[in-house]
PDB file of all heavy atoms in Angstrom:
ATOM      1  N   GLY A   1     -23.023  29.174  -8.546  1.00  0.00           N
ATOM      2  CA  GLY A   1     -22.555  28.359  -7.397  1.00  0.00           C
ATOM      3  C   GLY A   1     -22.093  26.970  -7.839  1.00  0.00           C
ATOM      4  O   GLY A   1     -21.252  26.395  -7.059  1.00  0.00           O
ATOM      5  N   VAL A   2     -22.417  26.479  -8.907  1.00  0.00           N
ATOM      6  CA  VAL A   2     -22.085  25.009  -9.307  1.00  0.00           C
ATOM      7  C   VAL A   2     -20.586  24.925  -9.477  1.00  0.00           C
ATOM      8  O   VAL A   2     -19.829  23.957  -9.100  1.00  0.00           O
ATOM      9  CB  VAL A   2     -22.857  24.622 -10.533  1.00  0.00           C
ATOM     10  CG1 VAL A   2     -22.342  23.175 -10.940  1.00  0.00           C
ATOM     11  CG2 VAL A   2     -24.325  24.467 -10.185  1.00  0.00           C
ATOM     12  N   LYS A   3     -19.914  25.917 -10.111  1.00  0.00           N
ATOM     13  CA  LYS A   3     -18.527  25.965 -10.282  1.00  0.00           C
ATOM     14  C   LYS A   3     -17.762  25.949  -8.981  1.00  0.00           C
ATOM     15  O   LYS A   3     -16.692  25.327  -8.808  1.00  0.00           O
ATOM     16  CB  LYS A   3     -18.123  27.009 -11.246  1.00  0.00           C
ATOM     17  CG  LYS A   3     -18.157  28.422 -10.671  1.00  0.00           C
ATOM     18  CD  LYS A   3     -17.664  29.450 -11.672  1.00  0.00           C
ATOM     19  CE  LYS A   3     -17.755  30.825 -11.121  1.00  0.00           C
ATOM     20  NZ  LYS A   3     -17.236  31.853 -12.023  1.00  0.00           N
ATOM     21  N   TRP A   4     -18.356  26.671  -8.044  1.00  0.00           N
ATOM     22  CA  TRP A   4     -17.680  26.740  -6.762  1.00  0.00           C
ATOM     23  C   TRP A   4     -17.816  25.379  -6.086  1.00  0.00           C
ATOM     24  O   TRP A   4     -16.830  25.037  -5.159  1.00  0.00           O
ATOM     25  CB  TRP A   4     -18.418  27.904  -5.941  1.00  0.00           C
ATOM     26  CG  TRP A   4     -18.177  29.233  -6.463  1.00  0.00           C
ATOM     27  CD1 TRP A   4     -19.160  30.020  -7.176  1.00  0.00           C
ATOM     28  CD2 TRP A   4     -16.904  30.005  -6.471  1.00  0.00           C
ATOM     29  NE1 TRP A   4     -18.512  31.112  -7.514  1.00  0.00           N
ATOM     30  CE2 TRP A   4     -17.279  31.265  -7.180  1.00  0.00           C
ATOM     31  CE3 TRP A   4     -15.730  29.728  -6.074  1.00  0.00           C
ATOM     32  CZ2 TRP A   4     -16.225  32.212  -7.321  1.00  0.00           C
ATOM     33  CZ3 TRP A   4     -14.666  30.685  -6.133  1.00  0.00           C
ATOM     34  CH2 TRP A   4     -14.998  31.955  -6.842  1.00  0.00           C
ATOM     35  N   TRP A   5     -18.825  24.638  -6.232  1.00  0.00           N
ATOM     36  CA  TRP A   5     -18.959  23.333  -5.565  1.00  0.00           C
ATOM     37  C   TRP A   5     -17.751  22.437  -6.199  1.00  0.00           C
ATOM     38  O   TRP A   5     -17.177  21.653  -5.416  1.00  0.00           O
ATOM     39  CB  TRP A   5     -20.264  22.586  -5.913  1.00  0.00           C
ATOM     40  CG  TRP A   5     -21.332  23.250  -5.173  1.00  0.00           C
ATOM     41  CD1 TRP A   5     -21.342  24.033  -4.057  1.00  0.00           C
ATOM     42  CD2 TRP A   5     -22.747  23.212  -5.475  1.00  0.00           C
ATOM     43  NE1 TRP A   5     -22.573  24.487  -3.724  1.00  0.00           N
ATOM     44  CE2 TRP A   5     -23.503  23.970  -4.598  1.00  0.00           C
ATOM     45  CE3 TRP A   5     -23.476  22.648  -6.583  1.00  0.00           C
ATOM     46  CZ2 TRP A   5     -24.875  24.224  -4.654  1.00  0.00           C
ATOM     47  CZ3 TRP A   5     -24.844  22.739  -6.650  1.00  0.00           C
ATOM     48  CH2 TRP A   5     -25.565  23.546  -5.658  1.00  0.00           C
ATOM     49  N   ALA A   6     -17.612  22.486  -7.530  1.00  0.00           N
ATOM     50  CA  ALA A   6     -16.558  21.728  -8.049  1.00  0.00           C
ATOM     51  C   ALA A   6     -15.143  22.154  -7.564  1.00  0.00           C
ATOM     52  O   ALA A   6     -14.344  21.292  -7.173  1.00  0.00           O
ATOM     53  CB  ALA A   6     -16.601  21.760  -9.728  1.00  0.00           C
ATOM     54  N   LEU A   7     -14.931  23.401  -7.583  1.00  0.00           N
ATOM     55  CA  LEU A   7     -13.656  23.996  -7.122  1.00  0.00           C
ATOM     56  C   LEU A   7     -13.541  23.551  -5.606  1.00  0.00           C
ATOM     57  O   LEU A   7     -12.396  23.043  -5.179  1.00  0.00           O
ATOM     58  CB  LEU A   7     -13.527  25.445  -7.328  1.00  0.00           C
ATOM     59  CG  LEU A   7     -12.308  26.143  -6.810  1.00  0.00           C
ATOM     60  CD1 LEU A   7     -11.063  25.615  -7.439  1.00  0.00           C
ATOM     61  CD2 LEU A   7     -12.384  27.645  -6.964  1.00  0.00           C
ATOM     62  N   GLY A   8     -14.507  23.823  -4.773  1.00  0.00           N
ATOM     63  CA  GLY A   8     -14.381  23.509  -3.436  1.00  0.00           C
ATOM     64  C   GLY A   8     -14.057  22.056  -3.059  1.00  0.00           C
ATOM     65  O   GLY A   8     -13.243  21.799  -2.169  1.00  0.00           O
ATOM     66  N   LEU A   9     -14.749  21.258  -3.794  1.00  0.00           N
ATOM     67  CA  LEU A   9     -14.423  19.733  -3.546  1.00  0.00           C
ATOM     68  C   LEU A   9     -13.110  19.306  -3.988  1.00  0.00           C
ATOM     69  O   LEU A   9     -12.404  18.569  -3.279  1.00  0.00           O
ATOM     70  CB  LEU A   9     -15.587  18.958  -4.419  1.00  0.00           C
ATOM     71  CG  LEU A   9     -15.642  17.457  -4.052  1.00  0.00           C
ATOM     72  CD1 LEU A   9     -16.031  17.254  -2.517  1.00  0.00           C
ATOM     73  CD2 LEU A   9     -16.689  16.799  -4.876  1.00  0.00           C
ATOM     74  N   ILE A  10     -12.601  19.952  -5.086  1.00  0.00           N
ATOM     75  CA  ILE A  10     -11.244  19.649  -5.445  1.00  0.00           C
ATOM     76  C   ILE A  10     -10.186  20.108  -4.458  1.00  0.00           C
ATOM     77  O   ILE A  10      -9.310  19.356  -4.054  1.00  0.00           O
ATOM     78  CB  ILE A  10     -10.953  20.288  -6.860  1.00  0.00           C
ATOM     79  CG1 ILE A  10     -11.740  19.595  -7.965  1.00  0.00           C
ATOM     80  CG2 ILE A  10      -9.398  20.297  -7.110  1.00  0.00           C
ATOM     81  CD1 ILE A  10     -11.696  20.304  -9.255  1.00  0.00           C
ATOM     82  N   VAL A  11     -10.415  21.300  -3.946  1.00  0.00           N
ATOM     83  CA  VAL A  11      -9.534  21.829  -2.939  1.00  0.00           C
ATOM     84  C   VAL A  11      -9.585  20.921  -1.602  1.00  0.00           C
ATOM     85  O   VAL A  11      -8.618  20.711  -0.953  1.00  0.00           O
ATOM     86  CB  VAL A  11      -9.879  23.348  -2.611  1.00  0.00           C
ATOM     87  CG1 VAL A  11      -8.905  23.921  -1.387  1.00  0.00           C
ATOM     88  CG2 VAL A  11      -9.548  24.279  -3.831  1.00  0.00           C
ATOM     89  N   HIS A  12     -10.842  20.622  -1.170  1.00  0.00           N
ATOM     90  CA  HIS A  12     -11.039  19.959  -0.006  1.00  0.00           C
ATOM     91  C   HIS A  12     -10.373  18.471  -0.184  1.00  0.00           C
ATOM     92  O   HIS A  12      -9.721  18.023   0.834  1.00  0.00           O
ATOM     93  CB  HIS A  12     -12.568  19.780   0.191  1.00  0.00           C
ATOM     94  CG  HIS A  12     -12.939  18.952   1.488  1.00  0.00           C
ATOM     95  ND1 HIS A  12     -12.635  19.330   2.816  1.00  0.00           N
ATOM     96  CD2 HIS A  12     -13.580  17.719   1.574  1.00  0.00           C
ATOM     97  CE1 HIS A  12     -13.044  18.503   3.562  1.00  0.00           C
ATOM     98  NE2 HIS A  12     -13.664  17.538   2.886  1.00  0.00           N
ATOM     99  N   THR A  13     -10.576  17.884  -1.301  1.00  0.00           N
ATOM    100  CA  THR A  13      -9.908  16.551  -1.478  1.00  0.00           C
ATOM    101  C   THR A  13      -8.439  16.610  -1.465  1.00  0.00           C
ATOM    102  O   THR A  13      -7.794  15.809  -0.892  1.00  0.00           O
ATOM    103  CB  THR A  13     -10.429  16.016  -2.916  1.00  0.00           C
ATOM    104  OG1 THR A  13     -11.828  15.920  -2.868  1.00  0.00           O
ATOM    105  CG2 THR A  13      -9.782  14.704  -3.139  1.00  0.00           C
ATOM    106  N   THR A  14      -7.912  17.707  -2.043  1.00  0.00           N
ATOM    107  CA  THR A  14      -6.379  17.910  -2.096  1.00  0.00           C
ATOM    108  C   THR A  14      -5.868  18.055  -0.630  1.00  0.00           C
ATOM    109  O   THR A  14      -4.921  17.413  -0.276  1.00  0.00           O
ATOM    110  CB  THR A  14      -6.052  19.136  -2.909  1.00  0.00           C
ATOM    111  OG1 THR A  14      -6.512  19.068  -4.177  1.00  0.00           O
ATOM    112  CG2 THR A  14      -4.531  19.299  -2.881  1.00  0.00           C
ATOM    113  N   GLY A  15      -6.510  18.876   0.079  1.00  0.00           N
ATOM    114  CA  GLY A  15      -6.209  18.997   1.558  1.00  0.00           C
ATOM    115  C   GLY A  15      -6.196  17.665   2.412  1.00  0.00           C
ATOM    116  O   GLY A  15      -5.267  17.305   3.162  1.00  0.00           O
ATOM    117  N   LEU A  16      -7.302  16.934   2.205  1.00  0.00           N
ATOM    118  CA  LEU A  16      -7.476  15.676   2.934  1.00  0.00           C
ATOM    119  C   LEU A  16      -6.351  14.747   2.550  1.00  0.00           C
ATOM    120  O   LEU A  16      -5.829  13.921   3.321  1.00  0.00           O
ATOM    121  CB  LEU A  16      -8.880  15.071   2.746  1.00  0.00           C
ATOM    122  CG  LEU A  16      -9.946  15.672   3.599  1.00  0.00           C
ATOM    123  CD1 LEU A  16     -11.318  14.992   3.274  1.00  0.00           C
ATOM    124  CD2 LEU A  16      -9.629  15.600   5.093  1.00  0.00           C
ATOM    125  N   THR A  17      -6.173  14.544   1.183  1.00  0.00           N
ATOM    126  CA  THR A  17      -5.123  13.673   0.672  1.00  0.00           C
ATOM    127  C   THR A  17      -3.739  14.056   1.233  1.00  0.00           C
ATOM    128  O   THR A  17      -3.000  13.078   1.683  1.00  0.00           O
ATOM    129  CB  THR A  17      -5.086  13.757  -0.891  1.00  0.00           C
ATOM    130  OG1 THR A  17      -6.335  13.490  -1.352  1.00  0.00           O
ATOM    131  CG2 THR A  17      -4.084  12.780  -1.446  1.00  0.00           C
ATOM    132  N   LEU A  18      -3.358  15.288   1.279  1.00  0.00           N
ATOM    133  CA  LEU A  18      -2.145  15.735   1.829  1.00  0.00           C
ATOM    134  C   LEU A  18      -2.085  15.361   3.315  1.00  0.00           C
ATOM    135  O   LEU A  18      -1.003  14.897   3.858  1.00  0.00           O
ATOM    136  CB  LEU A  18      -1.821  17.137   1.547  1.00  0.00           C
ATOM    137  CG  LEU A  18      -1.626  17.543   0.096  1.00  0.00           C
ATOM    138  CD1 LEU A  18      -1.512  18.978  -0.069  1.00  0.00           C
ATOM    139  CD2 LEU A  18      -0.381  16.940  -0.432  1.00  0.00           C
ATOM    140  N   SER A  19      -3.166  15.567   4.034  1.00  0.00           N
ATOM    141  CA  SER A  19      -3.235  15.380   5.422  1.00  0.00           C
ATOM    142  C   SER A  19      -3.035  13.932   5.807  1.00  0.00           C
ATOM    143  O   SER A  19      -2.290  13.498   6.682  1.00  0.00           O
ATOM    144  CB  SER A  19      -4.612  15.886   6.009  1.00  0.00           C
ATOM    145  OG  SER A  19      -4.664  15.703   7.414  1.00  0.00           O
ATOM    146  N   PHE A  20      -3.718  13.003   5.055  1.00  0.00           N
ATOM    147  CA  PHE A  20      -3.579  11.653   5.324  1.00  0.00           C
ATOM    148  C   PHE A  20      -2.209  11.092   4.913  1.00  0.00           C
ATOM    149  O   PHE A  20      -1.551  10.304   5.699  1.00  0.00           O
ATOM    150  CB  PHE A  20      -4.532  10.770   4.383  1.00  0.00           C
ATOM    151  CG  PHE A  20      -5.950  10.983   4.836  1.00  0.00           C
ATOM    152  CD1 PHE A  20      -7.043  10.841   3.933  1.00  0.00           C
ATOM    153  CD2 PHE A  20      -6.309  11.262   6.151  1.00  0.00           C
ATOM    154  CE1 PHE A  20      -8.401  11.051   4.299  1.00  0.00           C
ATOM    155  CE2 PHE A  20      -7.757  11.503   6.532  1.00  0.00           C
ATOM    156  CZ  PHE A  20      -8.587  11.374   5.588  1.00  0.00           C
ATOM    157  N   TRP A  21      -1.531  11.730   3.919  1.00  0.00           N
ATOM    158  CA  TRP A  21      -0.214  11.379   3.512  1.00  0.00           C
ATOM    159  C   TRP A  21       0.773  11.806   4.611  1.00  0.00           C
ATOM    160  O   TRP A  21       1.622  11.010   4.964  1.00  0.00           O
ATOM    161  CB  TRP A  21       0.132  11.990   2.095  1.00  0.00           C
ATOM    162  CG  TRP A  21       1.589  11.780   1.706  1.00  0.00           C
ATOM    163  CD1 TRP A  21       2.154  10.746   1.253  1.00  0.00           C
ATOM    164  CD2 TRP A  21       2.539  12.877   1.784  1.00  0.00           C
ATOM    165  NE1 TRP A  21       3.492  11.015   0.976  1.00  0.00           N
ATOM    166  CE2 TRP A  21       3.772  12.247   1.295  1.00  0.00           C
ATOM    167  CE3 TRP A  21       2.556  14.183   2.062  1.00  0.00           C
ATOM    168  CZ2 TRP A  21       4.921  12.933   1.140  1.00  0.00           C
ATOM    169  CZ3 TRP A  21       3.799  14.811   1.919  1.00  0.00           C
ATOM    170  CH2 TRP A  21       4.894  14.308   1.451  1.00  0.00           C
ATOM    171  N   GLU A  22       0.645  12.909   5.143  1.00  0.00           N
ATOM    172  CA  GLU A  22       1.488  13.492   6.186  1.00  0.00           C
ATOM    173  C   GLU A  22       1.408  12.743   7.348  1.00  0.00           C
ATOM    174  O   GLU A  22       2.365  12.330   8.084  1.00  0.00           O
ATOM    175  CB  GLU A  22       0.995  15.031   6.449  1.00  0.00           C
ATOM    176  CG  GLU A  22       1.993  15.643   7.459  1.00  0.00           C
ATOM    177  CD  GLU A  22       1.299  15.590   8.777  1.00  0.00           C
ATOM    178  OE1 GLU A  22       0.166  15.344   8.943  1.00  0.00           O
ATOM    179  OE2 GLU A  22       2.087  15.740   9.826  1.00  0.00           O
ATOM    180  N   ASN A  23       0.191  12.180   7.754  1.00  0.00           N
ATOM    181  CA  ASN A  23      -0.024  11.417   8.946  1.00  0.00           C
ATOM    182  C   ASN A  23       0.621   9.906   8.689  1.00  0.00           C
ATOM    183  O   ASN A  23       1.166   9.387   9.688  1.00  0.00           O
ATOM    184  CB  ASN A  23      -1.413  11.355   9.286  1.00  0.00           C
ATOM    185  CG  ASN A  23      -1.878  12.383  10.268  1.00  0.00           C
ATOM    186  OD1 ASN A  23      -1.663  12.470  11.485  1.00  0.00           O
ATOM    187  ND2 ASN A  23      -2.452  13.458   9.601  1.00  0.00           N
ATOM    188  N   SER A  24       0.636   9.546   7.483  1.00  0.00           N
ATOM    189  CA  SER A  24       1.190   8.156   7.361  1.00  0.00           C
ATOM    190  C   SER A  24       2.703   8.214   7.454  1.00  0.00           C
ATOM    191  O   SER A  24       3.358   7.303   7.816  1.00  0.00           O
ATOM    192  CB  SER A  24       0.765   7.719   5.892  1.00  0.00           C
ATOM    193  OG  SER A  24       1.385   8.511   4.861  1.00  0.00           O
ATOM    194  N   LEU A  25       3.317   9.377   7.096  1.00  0.00           N
ATOM    195  CA  LEU A  25       4.748   9.470   7.355  1.00  0.00           C
ATOM    196  C   LEU A  25       5.179   9.774   8.752  1.00  0.00           C
ATOM    197  O   LEU A  25       6.320   9.511   9.059  1.00  0.00           O
ATOM    198  CB  LEU A  25       5.289  10.613   6.382  1.00  0.00           C
ATOM    199  CG  LEU A  25       5.158  10.451   4.900  1.00  0.00           C
ATOM    200  CD1 LEU A  25       5.679  11.680   4.189  1.00  0.00           C
ATOM    201  CD2 LEU A  25       5.891   9.165   4.429  1.00  0.00           C
ATOM    202  N   ALA A  26       4.252  10.305   9.541  1.00  0.00           N
ATOM    203  CA  ALA A  26       4.504  10.574  10.896  1.00  0.00           C
ATOM    204  C   ALA A  26       5.587  11.693  11.152  1.00  0.00           C
ATOM    205  O   ALA A  26       6.339  11.510  12.043  1.00  0.00           O
ATOM    206  CB  ALA A  26       4.723   9.274  11.685  1.00  0.00           C
ATOM    207  N   ILE A  27       5.755  12.518  10.151  1.00  0.00           N
ATOM    208  CA  ILE A  27       6.712  13.609  10.227  1.00  0.00           C
ATOM    209  C   ILE A  27       5.921  14.894  10.363  1.00  0.00           C
ATOM    210  O   ILE A  27       5.492  15.412   9.302  1.00  0.00           O
ATOM    211  CB  ILE A  27       7.660  13.578   9.078  1.00  0.00           C
ATOM    212  CG1 ILE A  27       8.390  12.317   8.873  1.00  0.00           C
ATOM    213  CG2 ILE A  27       8.668  14.762   9.203  1.00  0.00           C
ATOM    214  CD1 ILE A  27       9.154  12.214   7.666  1.00  0.00           C
ATOM    215  N   HIS A  28       5.797  15.408  11.555  1.00  0.00           N
ATOM    216  CA  HIS A  28       4.842  16.540  11.787  1.00  0.00           C
ATOM    217  C   HIS A  28       5.685  17.716  11.795  1.00  0.00           C
ATOM    218  O   HIS A  28       6.297  18.155  12.852  1.00  0.00           O
ATOM    219  CB  HIS A  28       4.171  16.289  13.063  1.00  0.00           C
ATOM    220  CG  HIS A  28       3.330  14.988  13.091  1.00  0.00           C
ATOM    221  ND1 HIS A  28       2.370  14.731  12.162  1.00  0.00           N
ATOM    222  CD2 HIS A  28       3.415  13.967  13.922  1.00  0.00           C
ATOM    223  CE1 HIS A  28       1.907  13.531  12.411  1.00  0.00           C
ATOM    224  NE2 HIS A  28       2.556  13.014  13.513  1.00  0.00           N
ATOM    225  N   VAL A  29       5.718  18.586  10.623  1.00  0.00           N
ATOM    226  CA  VAL A  29       6.318  19.929  10.670  1.00  0.00           C
ATOM    227  C   VAL A  29       5.064  20.876  10.929  1.00  0.00           C
ATOM    228  O   VAL A  29       4.192  20.891  10.092  1.00  0.00           O
ATOM    229  CB  VAL A  29       6.958  20.219   9.288  1.00  0.00           C
ATOM    230  CG1 VAL A  29       7.504  21.564   9.295  1.00  0.00           C
ATOM    231  CG2 VAL A  29       8.041  19.193   9.111  1.00  0.00           C
ATOM    232  N   PRO A  30       5.039  21.710  11.950  1.00  0.00           N
ATOM    233  CA  PRO A  30       3.932  22.479  12.278  1.00  0.00           C
ATOM    234  C   PRO A  30       3.461  23.314  11.138  1.00  0.00           C
ATOM    235  O   PRO A  30       2.183  23.358  10.917  1.00  0.00           O
ATOM    236  CB  PRO A  30       4.454  23.399  13.419  1.00  0.00           C
ATOM    237  CG  PRO A  30       5.461  22.413  14.236  1.00  0.00           C
ATOM    238  CD  PRO A  30       6.067  21.733  13.028  1.00  0.00           C
ATOM    239  N   PHE A  31       4.308  23.971  10.430  1.00  0.00           N
ATOM    240  CA  PHE A  31       3.870  24.853   9.357  1.00  0.00           C
ATOM    241  C   PHE A  31       3.015  24.057   8.309  1.00  0.00           C
ATOM    242  O   PHE A  31       1.932  24.485   7.922  1.00  0.00           O
ATOM    243  CB  PHE A  31       5.146  25.588   8.726  1.00  0.00           C
ATOM    244  CG  PHE A  31       4.716  26.345   7.470  1.00  0.00           C
ATOM    245  CD1 PHE A  31       4.075  27.604   7.560  1.00  0.00           C
ATOM    246  CD2 PHE A  31       4.969  25.817   6.154  1.00  0.00           C
ATOM    247  CE1 PHE A  31       3.712  28.367   6.455  1.00  0.00           C
ATOM    248  CE2 PHE A  31       4.629  26.570   5.019  1.00  0.00           C
ATOM    249  CZ  PHE A  31       3.925  27.793   5.117  1.00  0.00           C
ATOM    250  N   TRP A  32       3.624  22.940   7.916  1.00  0.00           N
ATOM    251  CA  TRP A  32       2.941  22.163   6.874  1.00  0.00           C
ATOM    252  C   TRP A  32       1.681  21.477   7.471  1.00  0.00           C
ATOM    253  O   TRP A  32       0.655  21.324   6.754  1.00  0.00           O
ATOM    254  CB  TRP A  32       3.912  21.037   6.389  1.00  0.00           C
ATOM    255  CG  TRP A  32       4.997  21.620   5.553  1.00  0.00           C
ATOM    256  CD1 TRP A  32       6.272  21.628   5.880  1.00  0.00           C
ATOM    257  CD2 TRP A  32       4.730  22.287   4.227  1.00  0.00           C
ATOM    258  NE1 TRP A  32       7.073  22.320   4.844  1.00  0.00           N
ATOM    259  CE2 TRP A  32       6.100  22.628   3.854  1.00  0.00           C
ATOM    260  CE3 TRP A  32       3.702  22.443   3.414  1.00  0.00           C
ATOM    261  CZ2 TRP A  32       6.397  23.406   2.682  1.00  0.00           C
ATOM    262  CZ3 TRP A  32       4.005  23.245   2.248  1.00  0.00           C
ATOM    263  CH2 TRP A  32       5.269  23.651   1.828  1.00  0.00           C
ATOM    264  N   VAL A  33       1.660  21.173   8.732  1.00  0.00           N
ATOM    265  CA  VAL A  33       0.466  20.611   9.306  1.00  0.00           C
ATOM    266  C   VAL A  33      -0.834  21.543   9.193  1.00  0.00           C
ATOM    267  O   VAL A  33      -1.800  21.207   8.823  1.00  0.00           O
ATOM    268  CB  VAL A  33       0.695  20.163  10.699  1.00  0.00           C
ATOM    269  CG1 VAL A  33      -0.526  19.834  11.534  1.00  0.00           C
ATOM    270  CG2 VAL A  33       1.612  18.990  10.733  1.00  0.00           C
ATOM    271  N   VAL A  34      -0.397  22.755   9.606  1.00  0.00           N
ATOM    272  CA  VAL A  34      -1.415  23.765   9.599  1.00  0.00           C
ATOM    273  C   VAL A  34      -1.799  24.160   8.218  1.00  0.00           C
ATOM    274  O   VAL A  34      -3.025  24.328   7.836  1.00  0.00           O
ATOM    275  CB  VAL A  34      -0.997  25.095  10.353  1.00  0.00           C
ATOM    276  CG1 VAL A  34      -1.954  26.229  10.289  1.00  0.00           C
ATOM    277  CG2 VAL A  34      -0.690  24.832  11.862  1.00  0.00           C
ATOM    278  N   SER A  35      -0.943  24.287   7.329  1.00  0.00           N
ATOM    279  CA  SER A  35      -1.189  24.593   5.849  1.00  0.00           C
ATOM    280  C   SER A  35      -1.990  23.607   5.248  1.00  0.00           C
ATOM    281  O   SER A  35      -3.067  23.888   4.553  1.00  0.00           O
ATOM    282  CB  SER A  35       0.061  24.857   5.142  1.00  0.00           C
ATOM    283  OG  SER A  35       0.921  25.845   5.701  1.00  0.00           O
ATOM    284  N   ILE A  36      -1.662  22.378   5.334  1.00  0.00           N
ATOM    285  CA  ILE A  36      -2.398  21.270   4.749  1.00  0.00           C
ATOM    286  C   ILE A  36      -3.844  21.192   5.262  1.00  0.00           C
ATOM    287  O   ILE A  36      -4.873  21.088   4.565  1.00  0.00           O
ATOM    288  CB  ILE A  36      -1.682  19.935   5.088  1.00  0.00           C
ATOM    289  CG1 ILE A  36      -0.432  19.840   4.144  1.00  0.00           C
ATOM    290  CG2 ILE A  36      -2.659  18.707   4.678  1.00  0.00           C
ATOM    291  CD1 ILE A  36       0.490  18.658   4.624  1.00  0.00           C
ATOM    292  N   ASN A  37      -4.048  21.334   6.612  1.00  0.00           N
ATOM    293  CA  ASN A  37      -5.353  21.325   7.153  1.00  0.00           C
ATOM    294  C   ASN A  37      -6.230  22.515   6.727  1.00  0.00           C
ATOM    295  O   ASN A  37      -7.376  22.439   6.446  1.00  0.00           O
ATOM    296  CB  ASN A  37      -5.368  21.255   8.706  1.00  0.00           C
ATOM    297  CG  ASN A  37      -5.023  19.868   9.278  1.00  0.00           C
ATOM    298  OD1 ASN A  37      -5.951  18.998   9.250  1.00  0.00           O
ATOM    299  ND2 ASN A  37      -3.852  19.517   9.560  1.00  0.00           N
ATOM    300  N   MET A  38      -5.573  23.624   6.573  1.00  0.00           N
ATOM    301  CA  MET A  38      -6.213  24.850   6.073  1.00  0.00           C
ATOM    302  C   MET A  38      -6.669  24.726   4.515  1.00  0.00           C
ATOM    303  O   MET A  38      -7.717  25.300   4.197  1.00  0.00           O
ATOM    304  CB  MET A  38      -5.452  26.175   6.265  1.00  0.00           C
ATOM    305  CG  MET A  38      -5.482  26.448   7.799  1.00  0.00           C
ATOM    306  SD  MET A  38      -7.139  26.752   8.526  1.00  0.00           S
ATOM    307  CE  MET A  38      -7.867  27.843   7.421  1.00  0.00           C
ATOM    308  N   VAL A  39      -5.905  24.035   3.824  1.00  0.00           N
ATOM    309  CA  VAL A  39      -6.254  23.775   2.465  1.00  0.00           C
ATOM    310  C   VAL A  39      -7.674  23.027   2.393  1.00  0.00           C
ATOM    311  O   VAL A  39      -8.599  23.441   1.705  1.00  0.00           O
ATOM    312  CB  VAL A  39      -5.253  22.986   1.725  1.00  0.00           C
ATOM    313  CG1 VAL A  39      -5.804  22.430   0.413  1.00  0.00           C
ATOM    314  CG2 VAL A  39      -3.992  23.842   1.412  1.00  0.00           C
ATOM    315  N   SER A  40      -7.690  21.934   3.287  1.00  0.00           N
ATOM    316  CA  SER A  40      -8.925  21.163   3.319  1.00  0.00           C
ATOM    317  C   SER A  40     -10.156  22.138   3.707  1.00  0.00           C
ATOM    318  O   SER A  40     -11.206  21.944   3.243  1.00  0.00           O
ATOM    319  CB  SER A  40      -8.818  19.980   4.227  1.00  0.00           C
ATOM    320  OG  SER A  40      -9.969  19.197   4.225  1.00  0.00           O
ATOM    321  N   LEU A  41      -9.843  22.849   4.889  1.00  0.00           N
ATOM    322  CA  LEU A  41     -10.945  23.655   5.315  1.00  0.00           C
ATOM    323  C   LEU A  41     -11.264  24.836   4.437  1.00  0.00           C
ATOM    324  O   LEU A  41     -12.495  25.179   4.312  1.00  0.00           O
ATOM    325  CB  LEU A  41     -10.519  24.355   6.757  1.00  0.00           C
ATOM    326  CG  LEU A  41     -10.442  23.365   7.949  1.00  0.00           C
ATOM    327  CD1 LEU A  41      -9.863  24.044   9.152  1.00  0.00           C
ATOM    328  CD2 LEU A  41     -11.765  22.738   8.252  1.00  0.00           C
ATOM    329  N   SER A  42     -10.333  25.381   3.647  1.00  0.00           N
ATOM    330  CA  SER A  42     -10.668  26.282   2.575  1.00  0.00           C
ATOM    331  C   SER A  42     -11.557  25.688   1.513  1.00  0.00           C
ATOM    332  O   SER A  42     -12.551  26.366   1.068  1.00  0.00           O
ATOM    333  CB  SER A  42      -9.328  26.776   1.888  1.00  0.00           C
ATOM    334  OG  SER A  42      -8.544  27.358   2.800  1.00  0.00           O
ATOM    335  N   GLY A  43     -11.421  24.376   1.202  1.00  0.00           N
ATOM    336  CA  GLY A  43     -12.437  23.794   0.211  1.00  0.00           C
ATOM    337  C   GLY A  43     -13.710  23.710   0.806  1.00  0.00           C
ATOM    338  O   GLY A  43     -14.713  24.016   0.060  1.00  0.00           O
TER     339      GLY A  43
END
């Protein structure tokens, strides 16, 4: 389980980083919005 925690946190962090960056640009492309949020939730 420990390796899954490391992997999950990395994926979750990647998703949140992309989400915050996408919101700062205020350019909302539906496909990318959903994909980025699902990356974070996958983590």
